[in-house]
Amino acid sequence: QVRLVESGGGLAQTGESLRLSCVVSGITIRSIASMAWFRRAPGKEREWVATCTRSNTATYADSVKGRFTITRDNGKNTLDLQMSSLKPEDTAMYYCSAHGDAEPIWGQGTQVTVSS
């Protein structure tokens, strides 16, 4: 059974950094076509943040471009999201997801709160 477990969330001040990690179990990350981070702020729709393909091609939402970096670590079987220059509008529950031929698989989320 494939499982995604996020960690690394917490409380940060504006301008600070956090690093989220998503541990993948039940499958090797190399076999996953693409992995992504999404987020959902209170009262808002789920928002795509970044994607990293099997070939390590990364794409970002305009709102995080230049501040966030998504990486896949094949050795650790993890997907990370380095978040820098955090803003209060980055406050949300962050979810890791795996995408391929079947239905996407989602983690349970990790909360990020940025105070001004």
PDB file of N, CA and C in Angstrom:
ATOM      1  N   GLN A   1       0.841  -1.185   0.000  1.00  0.00           N
ATOM      2  CA  GLN A   1       0.000   0.000   0.000  1.00  0.00           C
ATOM      3  C   GLN A   1       0.881   1.242   0.000  1.00  0.00           C
ATOM      4  N   VAL A   2       0.626   2.135  -0.957  1.00  0.00           N
ATOM      5  CA  VAL A   2       1.406   3.363  -1.057  1.00  0.00           C
ATOM      6  C   VAL A   2       0.919   4.347  -0.006  1.00  0.00           C
ATOM      7  N   ARG A   3       1.862   4.955   0.677  1.00  0.00           N
ATOM      8  CA  ARG A   3       1.522   5.904   1.735  1.00  0.00           C
ATOM      9  C   ARG A   3       2.452   7.107   1.647  1.00  0.00           C
ATOM     10  N   LEU A   4       1.877   8.295   1.852  1.00  0.00           N
ATOM     11  CA  LEU A   4       2.643   9.540   1.868  1.00  0.00           C
ATOM     12  C   LEU A   4       2.451  10.185   3.225  1.00  0.00           C
ATOM     13  N   VAL A   5       3.544  10.553   3.874  1.00  0.00           N
ATOM     14  CA  VAL A   5       3.462  11.176   5.190  1.00  0.00           C
ATOM     15  C   VAL A   5       4.297  12.449   5.194  1.00  0.00           C
ATOM     16  N   GLU A   6       3.615  13.580   5.385  1.00  0.00           N
ATOM     17  CA  GLU A   6       4.288  14.880   5.403  1.00  0.00           C
ATOM     18  C   GLU A   6       4.746  15.246   6.812  1.00  0.00           C
ATOM     19  N   SER A   7       5.787  16.052   6.862  1.00  0.00           N
ATOM     20  CA  SER A   7       6.270  16.596   8.137  1.00  0.00           C
ATOM     21  C   SER A   7       7.010  17.893   7.862  1.00  0.00           C
ATOM     22  N   GLY A   8       7.344  18.605   8.929  1.00  0.00           N
ATOM     23  CA  GLY A   8       8.145  19.813   8.782  1.00  0.00           C
ATOM     24  C   GLY A   8       7.381  21.109   8.910  1.00  0.00           C
ATOM     25  N   GLY A   9       6.074  21.007   8.990  1.00  0.00           N
ATOM     26  CA  GLY A   9       5.292  22.225   9.154  1.00  0.00           C
ATOM     27  C   GLY A   9       5.483  22.824  10.532  1.00  0.00           C
ATOM     28  N   GLY A  10       4.952  24.024  10.708  1.00  0.00           N
ATOM     29  CA  GLY A  10       5.058  24.675  11.998  1.00  0.00           C
ATOM     30  C   GLY A  10       4.779  26.153  11.881  1.00  0.00           C
ATOM     31  N   LEU A  11       5.252  26.875  12.877  1.00  0.00           N
ATOM     32  CA  LEU A  11       5.040  28.318  12.932  1.00  0.00           C
ATOM     33  C   LEU A  11       6.314  29.035  12.518  1.00  0.00           C
ATOM     34  N   ALA A  12       6.190  30.031  11.636  1.00  0.00           N
ATOM     35  CA  ALA A  12       7.328  30.821  11.190  1.00  0.00           C
ATOM     36  C   ALA A  12       6.946  32.294  11.166  1.00  0.00           C
ATOM     37  N   GLN A  13       7.931  33.136  11.249  1.00  0.00           N
ATOM     38  CA  GLN A  13       7.732  34.576  11.104  1.00  0.00           C
ATOM     39  C   GLN A  13       7.874  34.938   9.625  1.00  0.00           C
ATOM     40  N   THR A  14       7.315  36.050   9.234  1.00  0.00           N
ATOM     41  CA  THR A  14       7.481  36.548   7.865  1.00  0.00           C
ATOM     42  C   THR A  14       8.964  36.652   7.537  1.00  0.00           C
ATOM     43  N   GLY A  15       9.339  36.127   6.366  1.00  0.00           N
ATOM     44  CA  GLY A  15      10.727  36.171   5.926  1.00  0.00           C
ATOM     45  C   GLY A  15      11.553  34.955   6.304  1.00  0.00           C
ATOM     46  N   GLU A  16      11.034  34.144   7.191  1.00  0.00           N
ATOM     47  CA  GLU A  16      11.774  32.952   7.617  1.00  0.00           C
ATOM     48  C   GLU A  16      11.575  31.801   6.626  1.00  0.00           C
ATOM     49  N   SER A  17      12.229  30.689   6.934  1.00  0.00           N
ATOM     50  CA  SER A  17      12.182  29.518   6.050  1.00  0.00           C
ATOM     51  C   SER A  17      11.679  28.295   6.807  1.00  0.00           C
ATOM     52  N   LEU A  18      11.070  27.383   6.057  1.00  0.00           N
ATOM     53  CA  LEU A  18      10.690  26.073   6.567  1.00  0.00           C
ATOM     54  C   LEU A  18      10.966  25.054   5.474  1.00  0.00           C
ATOM     55  N   ARG A  19      11.210  23.825   5.892  1.00  0.00           N
ATOM     56  CA  ARG A  19      11.409  22.750   4.918  1.00  0.00           C
ATOM     57  C   ARG A  19      10.424  21.636   5.219  1.00  0.00           C
ATOM     58  N   LEU A  20       9.580  21.346   4.243  1.00  0.00           N
ATOM     59  CA  LEU A  20       8.624  20.257   4.362  1.00  0.00           C
ATOM     60  C   LEU A  20       9.202  19.004   3.721  1.00  0.00           C
ATOM     61  N   SER A  21       8.851  17.871   4.281  1.00  0.00           N
ATOM     62  CA  SER A  21       9.298  16.594   3.725  1.00  0.00           C
ATOM     63  C   SER A  21       8.121  15.648   3.616  1.00  0.00           C
ATOM     64  N   CYS A  22       8.101  14.864   2.558  1.00  0.00           N
ATOM     65  CA  CYS A  22       7.048  13.877   2.343  1.00  0.00           C
ATOM     66  C   CYS A  22       7.737  12.524   2.161  1.00  0.00           C
ATOM     67  N   VAL A  23       7.546  11.639   3.121  1.00  0.00           N
ATOM     68  CA  VAL A  23       8.143  10.313   3.036  1.00  0.00           C
ATOM     69  C   VAL A  23       7.200   9.383   2.292  1.00  0.00           C
ATOM     70  N   VAL A  24       7.727   8.720   1.257  1.00  0.00           N
ATOM     71  CA  VAL A  24       6.935   7.800   0.446  1.00  0.00           C
ATOM     72  C   VAL A  24       7.242   6.366   0.866  1.00  0.00           C
ATOM     73  N   SER A  25       6.226   5.585   1.121  1.00  0.00           N
ATOM     74  CA  SER A  25       6.423   4.172   1.445  1.00  0.00           C
ATOM     75  C   SER A  25       5.498   3.321   0.583  1.00  0.00           C
ATOM     76  N   GLY A  26       5.899   2.073   0.374  1.00  0.00           N
ATOM     77  CA  GLY A  26       5.098   1.149  -0.426  1.00  0.00           C
ATOM     78  C   GLY A  26       5.424   1.180  -1.899  1.00  0.00           C
ATOM     79  N   ILE A  27       6.300   2.086  -2.303  1.00  0.00           N
ATOM     80  CA  ILE A  27       6.688   2.222  -3.706  1.00  0.00           C
ATOM     81  C   ILE A  27       7.969   3.052  -3.752  1.00  0.00           C
ATOM     82  N   THR A  28       8.788   2.808  -4.762  1.00  0.00           N
ATOM     83  CA  THR A  28       9.974   3.647  -4.899  1.00  0.00           C
ATOM     84  C   THR A  28       9.582   4.920  -5.639  1.00  0.00           C
ATOM     85  N   ILE A  29      10.094   6.029  -5.173  1.00  0.00           N
ATOM     86  CA  ILE A  29       9.716   7.319  -5.723  1.00  0.00           C
ATOM     87  C   ILE A  29      10.104   7.428  -7.198  1.00  0.00           C
ATOM     88  N   ARG A  30      11.114   6.674  -7.593  1.00  0.00           N
ATOM     89  CA  ARG A  30      11.550   6.694  -8.992  1.00  0.00           C
ATOM     90  C   ARG A  30      10.432   6.243  -9.936  1.00  0.00           C
ATOM     91  N   SER A  31       9.555   5.389  -9.442  1.00  0.00           N
ATOM     92  CA  SER A  31       8.508   4.845 -10.304  1.00  0.00           C
ATOM     93  C   SER A  31       7.285   5.755 -10.407  1.00  0.00           C
ATOM     94  N   ILE A  32       7.276   6.839  -9.669  1.00  0.00           N
ATOM     95  CA  ILE A  32       6.140   7.765  -9.681  1.00  0.00           C
ATOM     96  C   ILE A  32       6.377   8.829 -10.746  1.00  0.00           C
ATOM     97  N   ALA A  33       5.423   8.984 -11.655  1.00  0.00           N
ATOM     98  CA  ALA A  33       5.599   9.882 -12.800  1.00  0.00           C
ATOM     99  C   ALA A  33       5.844  11.320 -12.345  1.00  0.00           C
ATOM    100  N   SER A  34       5.004  11.803 -11.456  1.00  0.00           N
ATOM    101  CA  SER A  34       5.213  13.152 -10.947  1.00  0.00           C
ATOM    102  C   SER A  34       4.691  13.242  -9.526  1.00  0.00           C
ATOM    103  N   MET A  35       5.315  14.117  -8.772  1.00  0.00           N
ATOM    104  CA  MET A  35       4.877  14.359  -7.404  1.00  0.00           C
ATOM    105  C   MET A  35       4.713  15.853  -7.230  1.00  0.00           C
ATOM    106  N   ALA A  36       3.807  16.207  -6.350  1.00  0.00           N
ATOM    107  CA  ALA A  36       3.475  17.617  -6.232  1.00  0.00           C
ATOM    108  C   ALA A  36       3.170  17.999  -4.783  1.00  0.00           C
ATOM    109  N   TRP A  37       3.221  19.288  -4.548  1.00  0.00           N
ATOM    110  CA  TRP A  37       2.745  19.874  -3.303  1.00  0.00           C
ATOM    111  C   TRP A  37       1.538  20.761  -3.628  1.00  0.00           C
ATOM    112  N   PHE A  38       0.518  20.631  -2.820  1.00  0.00           N
ATOM    113  CA  PHE A  38      -0.645  21.480  -2.871  1.00  0.00           C
ATOM    114  C   PHE A  38      -0.829  22.106  -1.495  1.00  0.00           C
ATOM    115  N   ARG A  39      -1.675  23.113  -1.426  1.00  0.00           N
ATOM    116  CA  ARG A  39      -1.987  23.695  -0.129  1.00  0.00           C
ATOM    117  C   ARG A  39      -3.432  24.160  -0.117  1.00  0.00           C
ATOM    118  N   ARG A  40      -3.993  24.232   1.085  1.00  0.00           N
ATOM    119  CA  ARG A  40      -5.356  24.743   1.257  1.00  0.00           C
ATOM    120  C   ARG A  40      -5.365  25.664   2.456  1.00  0.00           C
ATOM    121  N   ALA A  41      -5.656  26.918   2.190  1.00  0.00           N
ATOM    122  CA  ALA A  41      -5.802  27.906   3.262  1.00  0.00           C
ATOM    123  C   ALA A  41      -7.232  27.870   3.782  1.00  0.00           C
ATOM    124  N   PRO A  42      -7.443  28.289   5.017  1.00  0.00           N
ATOM    125  CA  PRO A  42      -8.798  28.278   5.587  1.00  0.00           C
ATOM    126  C   PRO A  42      -9.773  29.048   4.713  1.00  0.00           C
ATOM    127  N   GLY A  43     -10.886  28.415   4.367  1.00  0.00           N
ATOM    128  CA  GLY A  43     -11.918  29.065   3.585  1.00  0.00           C
ATOM    129  C   GLY A  43     -11.613  29.201   2.103  1.00  0.00           C
ATOM    130  N   LYS A  44     -10.526  28.585   1.657  1.00  0.00           N
ATOM    131  CA  LYS A  44     -10.154  28.705   0.239  1.00  0.00           C
ATOM    132  C   LYS A  44     -10.089  27.332  -0.424  1.00  0.00           C
ATOM    133  N   GLU A  45     -10.050  27.352  -1.757  1.00  0.00           N
ATOM    134  CA  GLU A  45      -9.910  26.125  -2.514  1.00  0.00           C
ATOM    135  C   GLU A  45      -8.477  25.605  -2.422  1.00  0.00           C
ATOM    136  N   ARG A  46      -8.335  24.320  -2.691  1.00  0.00           N
ATOM    137  CA  ARG A  46      -6.996  23.750  -2.750  1.00  0.00           C
ATOM    138  C   ARG A  46      -6.222  24.392  -3.898  1.00  0.00           C
ATOM    139  N   GLU A  47      -4.967  24.691  -3.648  1.00  0.00           N
ATOM    140  CA  GLU A  47      -4.131  25.400  -4.619  1.00  0.00           C
ATOM    141  C   GLU A  47      -2.874  24.584  -4.911  1.00  0.00           C
ATOM    142  N   TRP A  48      -2.573  24.440  -6.188  1.00  0.00           N
ATOM    143  CA  TRP A  48      -1.341  23.765  -6.580  1.00  0.00           C
ATOM    144  C   TRP A  48      -0.149  24.663  -6.258  1.00  0.00           C
ATOM    145  N   VAL A  49       0.920  24.082  -5.731  1.00  0.00           N
ATOM    146  CA  VAL A  49       2.113  24.833  -5.350  1.00  0.00           C
ATOM    147  C   VAL A  49       3.285  24.533  -6.275  1.00  0.00           C
ATOM    148  N   ALA A  50       3.593  23.257  -6.446  1.00  0.00           N
ATOM    149  CA  ALA A  50       4.760  22.887  -7.254  1.00  0.00           C
ATOM    150  C   ALA A  50       4.674  21.420  -7.640  1.00  0.00           C
ATOM    151  N   THR A  51       5.322  21.082  -8.752  1.00  0.00           N
ATOM    152  CA  THR A  51       5.395  19.710  -9.238  1.00  0.00           C
ATOM    153  C   THR A  51       6.832  19.368  -9.592  1.00  0.00           C
ATOM    154  N   CYS A  52       7.215  18.118  -9.341  1.00  0.00           N
ATOM    155  CA  CYS A  52       8.515  17.617  -9.757  1.00  0.00           C
ATOM    156  C   CYS A  52       8.294  16.292 -10.469  1.00  0.00           C
ATOM    157  N   THR A  53       8.733  16.205 -11.722  1.00  0.00           N
ATOM    158  CA  THR A  53       8.538  14.984 -12.494  1.00  0.00           C
ATOM    159  C   THR A  53       9.632  13.963 -12.195  1.00  0.00           C
ATOM    160  N   ARG A  54       9.467  12.774 -12.786  1.00  0.00           N
ATOM    161  CA  ARG A  54      10.451  11.707 -12.615  1.00  0.00           C
ATOM    162  C   ARG A  54      11.824  12.147 -13.123  1.00  0.00           C
ATOM    163  N   SER A  55      11.823  13.006 -14.143  1.00  0.00           N
ATOM    164  CA  SER A  55      13.084  13.495 -14.703  1.00  0.00           C
ATOM    165  C   SER A  55      13.590  14.731 -13.971  1.00  0.00           C
ATOM    166  N   ASN A  56      12.937  15.033 -12.806  1.00  0.00           N
ATOM    167  CA  ASN A  56      13.352  16.165 -11.957  1.00  0.00           C
ATOM    168  C   ASN A  56      13.108  17.523 -12.588  1.00  0.00           C
ATOM    169  N   THR A  57      12.137  17.580 -13.485  1.00  0.00           N
ATOM    170  CA  THR A  57      11.699  18.874 -13.992  1.00  0.00           C
ATOM    171  C   THR A  57      10.725  19.477 -12.992  1.00  0.00           C
ATOM    172  N   ALA A  58      11.022  20.692 -12.548  1.00  0.00           N
ATOM    173  CA  ALA A  58      10.200  21.345 -11.530  1.00  0.00           C
ATOM    174  C   ALA A  58       9.426  22.508 -12.126  1.00  0.00           C
ATOM    175  N   THR A  59       8.182  22.639 -11.704  1.00  0.00           N
ATOM    176  CA  THR A  59       7.360  23.787 -12.082  1.00  0.00           C
ATOM    177  C   THR A  59       6.701  24.328 -10.827  1.00  0.00           C
ATOM    178  N   TYR A  60       6.413  25.644 -10.843  1.00  0.00           N
ATOM    179  CA  TYR A  60       5.923  26.318  -9.652  1.00  0.00           C
ATOM    180  C   TYR A  60       4.751  27.239  -9.975  1.00  0.00           C
ATOM    181  N   ALA A  61       3.902  27.395  -8.993  1.00  0.00           N
ATOM    182  CA  ALA A  61       2.862  28.409  -9.086  1.00  0.00           C
ATOM    183  C   ALA A  61       3.536  29.777  -9.023  1.00  0.00           C
ATOM    184  N   ASP A  62       2.949  30.743  -9.700  1.00  0.00           N
ATOM    185  CA  ASP A  62       3.541  32.089  -9.705  1.00  0.00           C
ATOM    186  C   ASP A  62       3.687  32.651  -8.295  1.00  0.00           C
ATOM    187  N   SER A  63       2.769  32.283  -7.416  1.00  0.00           N
ATOM    188  CA  SER A  63       2.772  32.832  -6.061  1.00  0.00           C
ATOM    189  C   SER A  63       3.975  32.390  -5.237  1.00  0.00           C
ATOM    190  N   VAL A  64       4.643  31.300  -5.652  1.00  0.00           N
ATOM    191  CA  VAL A  64       5.784  30.798  -4.865  1.00  0.00           C
ATOM    192  C   VAL A  64       7.082  30.769  -5.662  1.00  0.00           C
ATOM    193  N   LYS A  65       7.002  31.083  -6.948  1.00  0.00           N
ATOM    194  CA  LYS A  65       8.183  31.010  -7.806  1.00  0.00           C
ATOM    195  C   LYS A  65       9.285  31.914  -7.266  1.00  0.00           C
ATOM    196  N   GLY A  66      10.493  31.379  -7.190  1.00  0.00           N
ATOM    197  CA  GLY A  66      11.616  32.142  -6.676  1.00  0.00           C
ATOM    198  C   GLY A  66      11.783  32.059  -5.170  1.00  0.00           C
ATOM    199  N   ARG A  67      10.776  31.513  -4.483  1.00  0.00           N
ATOM    200  CA  ARG A  67      10.855  31.403  -3.019  1.00  0.00           C
ATOM    201  C   ARG A  67      10.849  29.950  -2.565  1.00  0.00           C
ATOM    202  N   PHE A  68      10.170  29.093  -3.299  1.00  0.00           N
ATOM    203  CA  PHE A  68      10.057  27.677  -2.929  1.00  0.00           C
ATOM    204  C   PHE A  68      10.857  26.828  -3.902  1.00  0.00           C
ATOM    205  N   THR A  69      11.402  25.711  -3.393  1.00  0.00           N
ATOM    206  CA  THR A  69      12.129  24.768  -4.231  1.00  0.00           C
ATOM    207  C   THR A  69      11.658  23.355  -3.914  1.00  0.00           C
ATOM    208  N   ILE A  70      11.225  22.638  -4.953  1.00  0.00           N
ATOM    209  CA  ILE A  70      10.768  21.265  -4.788  1.00  0.00           C
ATOM    210  C   ILE A  70      11.854  20.313  -5.271  1.00  0.00           C
ATOM    211  N   THR A  71      12.111  19.273  -4.493  1.00  0.00           N
ATOM    212  CA  THR A  71      13.143  18.305  -4.875  1.00  0.00           C
ATOM    213  C   THR A  71      12.701  16.885  -4.519  1.00  0.00           C
ATOM    214  N   ARG A  72      13.151  15.940  -5.341  1.00  0.00           N
ATOM    215  CA  ARG A  72      12.912  14.519  -5.081  1.00  0.00           C
ATOM    216  C   ARG A  72      14.235  13.900  -4.670  1.00  0.00           C
ATOM    217  N   ASP A  73      14.245  13.157  -3.571  1.00  0.00           N
ATOM    218  CA  ASP A  73      15.440  12.461  -3.126  1.00  0.00           C
ATOM    219  C   ASP A  73      15.195  10.972  -3.315  1.00  0.00           C
ATOM    220  N   ASN A  74      15.765  10.424  -4.398  1.00  0.00           N
ATOM    221  CA  ASN A  74      15.540   9.012  -4.696  1.00  0.00           C
ATOM    222  C   ASN A  74      16.144   8.106  -3.619  1.00  0.00           C
ATOM    223  N   GLY A  75      17.251   8.530  -3.041  1.00  0.00           N
ATOM    224  CA  GLY A  75      17.895   7.713  -2.015  1.00  0.00           C
ATOM    225  C   GLY A  75      17.069   7.596  -0.752  1.00  0.00           C
ATOM    226  N   LYS A  76      16.449   8.699  -0.348  1.00  0.00           N
ATOM    227  CA  LYS A  76      15.647   8.713   0.876  1.00  0.00           C
ATOM    228  C   LYS A  76      14.180   8.415   0.592  1.00  0.00           C
ATOM    229  N   ASN A  77      13.831   8.367  -0.698  1.00  0.00           N
ATOM    230  CA  ASN A  77      12.429   8.149  -1.085  1.00  0.00           C
ATOM    231  C   ASN A  77      11.522   9.241  -0.534  1.00  0.00           C
ATOM    232  N   THR A  78      11.968  10.476  -0.669  1.00  0.00           N
ATOM    233  CA  THR A  78      11.201  11.607  -0.156  1.00  0.00           C
ATOM    234  C   THR A  78      11.038  12.695  -1.201  1.00  0.00           C
ATOM    235  N   LEU A  79      10.019  13.503  -0.983  1.00  0.00           N
ATOM    236  CA  LEU A  79       9.787  14.714  -1.762  1.00  0.00           C
ATOM    237  C   LEU A  79       9.854  15.876  -0.779  1.00  0.00           C
ATOM    238  N   ASP A  80      10.708  16.846  -1.047  1.00  0.00           N
ATOM    239  CA  ASP A  80      10.873  17.960  -0.127  1.00  0.00           C
ATOM    240  C   ASP A  80      10.384  19.260  -0.751  1.00  0.00           C
ATOM    241  N   LEU A  81      10.047  20.210   0.113  1.00  0.00           N
ATOM    242  CA  LEU A  81       9.693  21.545  -0.338  1.00  0.00           C
ATOM    243  C   LEU A  81      10.404  22.534   0.577  1.00  0.00           C
ATOM    244  N   GLN A  82      11.412  23.185   0.043  1.00  0.00           N
ATOM    245  CA  GLN A  82      12.126  24.223   0.776  1.00  0.00           C
ATOM    246  C   GLN A  82      11.403  25.538   0.550  1.00  0.00           C
ATOM    247  N   MET A  83      10.943  26.135   1.630  1.00  0.00           N
ATOM    248  CA  MET A  83      10.169  27.370   1.534  1.00  0.00           C
ATOM    249  C   MET A  83      10.956  28.495   2.185  1.00  0.00           C
ATOM    250  N   SER A  84      11.231  29.537   1.420  1.00  0.00           N
ATOM    251  CA  SER A  84      11.994  30.672   1.930  1.00  0.00           C
ATOM    252  C   SER A  84      11.162  31.941   1.773  1.00  0.00           C
ATOM    253  N   SER A  85      11.602  32.982   2.444  1.00  0.00           N
ATOM    254  CA  SER A  85      10.910  34.279   2.374  1.00  0.00           C
ATOM    255  C   SER A  85       9.413  34.107   2.570  1.00  0.00           C
ATOM    256  N   LEU A  86       9.062  33.389   3.611  1.00  0.00           N
ATOM    257  CA  LEU A  86       7.655  33.078   3.851  1.00  0.00           C
ATOM    258  C   LEU A  86       6.839  34.336   4.109  1.00  0.00           C
ATOM    259  N   LYS A  87       5.589  34.278   3.666  1.00  0.00           N
ATOM    260  CA  LYS A  87       4.648  35.388   3.826  1.00  0.00           C
ATOM    261  C   LYS A  87       3.412  34.876   4.567  1.00  0.00           C
ATOM    262  N   PRO A  88       2.680  35.769   5.208  1.00  0.00           N
ATOM    263  CA  PRO A  88       1.448  35.332   5.885  1.00  0.00           C
ATOM    264  C   PRO A  88       0.486  34.610   4.944  1.00  0.00           C
ATOM    265  N   GLU A  89       0.465  34.992   3.673  1.00  0.00           N
ATOM    266  CA  GLU A  89      -0.431  34.335   2.724  1.00  0.00           C
ATOM    267  C   GLU A  89       0.005  32.916   2.366  1.00  0.00           C
ATOM    268  N   ASP A  90       1.170  32.491   2.849  1.00  0.00           N
ATOM    269  CA  ASP A  90       1.587  31.091   2.671  1.00  0.00           C
ATOM    270  C   ASP A  90       0.972  30.181   3.735  1.00  0.00           C
ATOM    271  N   THR A  91       0.294  30.773   4.704  1.00  0.00           N
ATOM    272  CA  THR A  91      -0.348  29.981   5.749  1.00  0.00           C
ATOM    273  C   THR A  91      -1.393  29.062   5.146  1.00  0.00           C
ATOM    274  N   ALA A  92      -1.232  27.762   5.399  1.00  0.00           N
ATOM    275  CA  ALA A  92      -2.134  26.761   4.829  1.00  0.00           C
ATOM    276  C   ALA A  92      -1.752  25.380   5.337  1.00  0.00           C
ATOM    277  N   MET A  93      -2.626  24.420   5.056  1.00  0.00           N
ATOM    278  CA  MET A  93      -2.266  23.013   5.218  1.00  0.00           C
ATOM    279  C   MET A  93      -1.617  22.586   3.910  1.00  0.00           C
ATOM    280  N   TYR A  94      -0.435  21.995   3.994  1.00  0.00           N
ATOM    281  CA  TYR A  94       0.300  21.587   2.809  1.00  0.00           C
ATOM    282  C   TYR A  94       0.217  20.066   2.645  1.00  0.00           C
ATOM    283  N   TYR A  95      -0.087  19.664   1.405  1.00  0.00           N
ATOM    284  CA  TYR A  95      -0.269  18.253   1.095  1.00  0.00           C
ATOM    285  C   TYR A  95       0.696  17.817   0.001  1.00  0.00           C
ATOM    286  N   CYS A  96       1.223  16.633   0.182  1.00  0.00           N
ATOM    287  CA  CYS A  96       2.054  15.982  -0.815  1.00  0.00           C
ATOM    288  C   CYS A  96       1.159  15.038  -1.624  1.00  0.00           C
ATOM    289  N   SER A  97       1.422  14.900  -2.920  1.00  0.00           N
ATOM    290  CA  SER A  97       0.616  13.994  -3.729  1.00  0.00           C
ATOM    291  C   SER A  97       1.473  13.301  -4.779  1.00  0.00           C
ATOM    292  N   ALA A  98       1.043  12.093  -5.136  1.00  0.00           N
ATOM    293  CA  ALA A  98       1.733  11.296  -6.150  1.00  0.00           C
ATOM    294  C   ALA A  98       0.787  11.077  -7.319  1.00  0.00           C
ATOM    295  N   HIS A  99       1.289  11.262  -8.528  1.00  0.00           N
ATOM    296  CA  HIS A  99       0.448  11.226  -9.719  1.00  0.00           C
ATOM    297  C   HIS A  99       1.033  10.279 -10.754  1.00  0.00           C
ATOM    298  N   GLY A 100       0.140   9.475 -11.334  1.00  0.00           N
ATOM    299  CA  GLY A 100       0.548   8.551 -12.384  1.00  0.00           C
ATOM    300  C   GLY A 100      -0.669   8.127 -13.174  1.00  0.00           C
ATOM    301  N   ASP A 101      -0.717   6.845 -13.543  1.00  0.00           N
ATOM    302  CA  ASP A 101      -1.847   6.347 -14.328  1.00  0.00           C
ATOM    303  C   ASP A 101      -3.108   6.176 -13.485  1.00  0.00           C
ATOM    304  N   ALA A 102      -2.940   5.871 -12.208  1.00  0.00           N
ATOM    305  CA  ALA A 102      -4.084   5.642 -11.322  1.00  0.00           C
ATOM    306  C   ALA A 102      -4.504   6.957 -10.661  1.00  0.00           C
ATOM    307  N   GLU A 103      -5.483   6.846  -9.765  1.00  0.00           N
ATOM    308  CA  GLU A 103      -5.922   8.025  -9.030  1.00  0.00           C
ATOM    309  C   GLU A 103      -4.773   8.595  -8.194  1.00  0.00           C
ATOM    310  N   PRO A 104      -4.712   9.930  -8.049  1.00  0.00           N
ATOM    311  CA  PRO A 104      -3.648  10.514  -7.218  1.00  0.00           C
ATOM    312  C   PRO A 104      -3.721  10.006  -5.785  1.00  0.00           C
ATOM    313  N   ILE A 105      -2.567   9.936  -5.181  1.00  0.00           N
ATOM    314  CA  ILE A 105      -2.479   9.539  -3.774  1.00  0.00           C
ATOM    315  C   ILE A 105      -2.064  10.756  -2.970  1.00  0.00           C
ATOM    316  N   TRP A 106      -2.712  10.943  -1.828  1.00  0.00           N
ATOM    317  CA  TRP A 106      -2.490  12.141  -1.018  1.00  0.00           C
ATOM    318  C   TRP A 106      -2.011  11.782   0.381  1.00  0.00           C
ATOM    319  N   GLY A 107      -1.199  12.682   0.937  1.00  0.00           N
ATOM    320  CA  GLY A 107      -0.831  12.553   2.337  1.00  0.00           C
ATOM    321  C   GLY A 107      -1.883  13.220   3.208  1.00  0.00           C
ATOM    322  N   GLN A 108      -1.632  13.205   4.528  1.00  0.00           N
ATOM    323  CA  GLN A 108      -2.617  13.754   5.460  1.00  0.00           C
ATOM    324  C   GLN A 108      -2.428  15.253   5.686  1.00  0.00           C
ATOM    325  N   GLY A 109      -1.285  15.772   5.250  1.00  0.00           N
ATOM    326  CA  GLY A 109      -1.043  17.209   5.346  1.00  0.00           C
ATOM    327  C   GLY A 109      -0.208  17.604   6.549  1.00  0.00           C
ATOM    328  N   THR A 110       0.422  18.768   6.419  1.00  0.00           N
ATOM    329  CA  THR A 110       1.180  19.360   7.527  1.00  0.00           C
ATOM    330  C   THR A 110       0.891  20.861   7.518  1.00  0.00           C
ATOM    331  N   GLN A 111       0.627  21.413   8.688  1.00  0.00           N
ATOM    332  CA  GLN A 111       0.187  22.804   8.793  1.00  0.00           C
ATOM    333  C   GLN A 111       1.374  23.761   8.818  1.00  0.00           C
ATOM    334  N   VAL A 112       1.291  24.796   8.010  1.00  0.00           N
ATOM    335  CA  VAL A 112       2.278  25.879   8.010  1.00  0.00           C
ATOM    336  C   VAL A 112       1.548  27.169   8.375  1.00  0.00           C
ATOM    337  N   THR A 113       2.052  27.853   9.376  1.00  0.00           N
ATOM    338  CA  THR A 113       1.468  29.122   9.796  1.00  0.00           C
ATOM    339  C   THR A 113       2.557  30.175   9.817  1.00  0.00           C
ATOM    340  N   VAL A 114       2.326  31.261   9.079  1.00  0.00           N
ATOM    341  CA  VAL A 114       3.305  32.346   8.997  1.00  0.00           C
ATOM    342  C   VAL A 114       2.697  33.586   9.624  1.00  0.00           C
ATOM    343  N   SER A 115       3.361  34.104  10.625  1.00  0.00           N
ATOM    344  CA  SER A 115       2.858  35.298  11.308  1.00  0.00           C
ATOM    345  C   SER A 115       3.599  36.529  10.819  1.00  0.00           C
ATOM    346  N   SER A 116       2.894  37.655  10.855  1.00  0.00           N
ATOM    347  CA  SER A 116       3.482  38.912  10.362  1.00  0.00           C
ATOM    348  C   SER A 116       4.213  39.652  11.465  1.00  0.00           C
TER     349      SER A 116
END
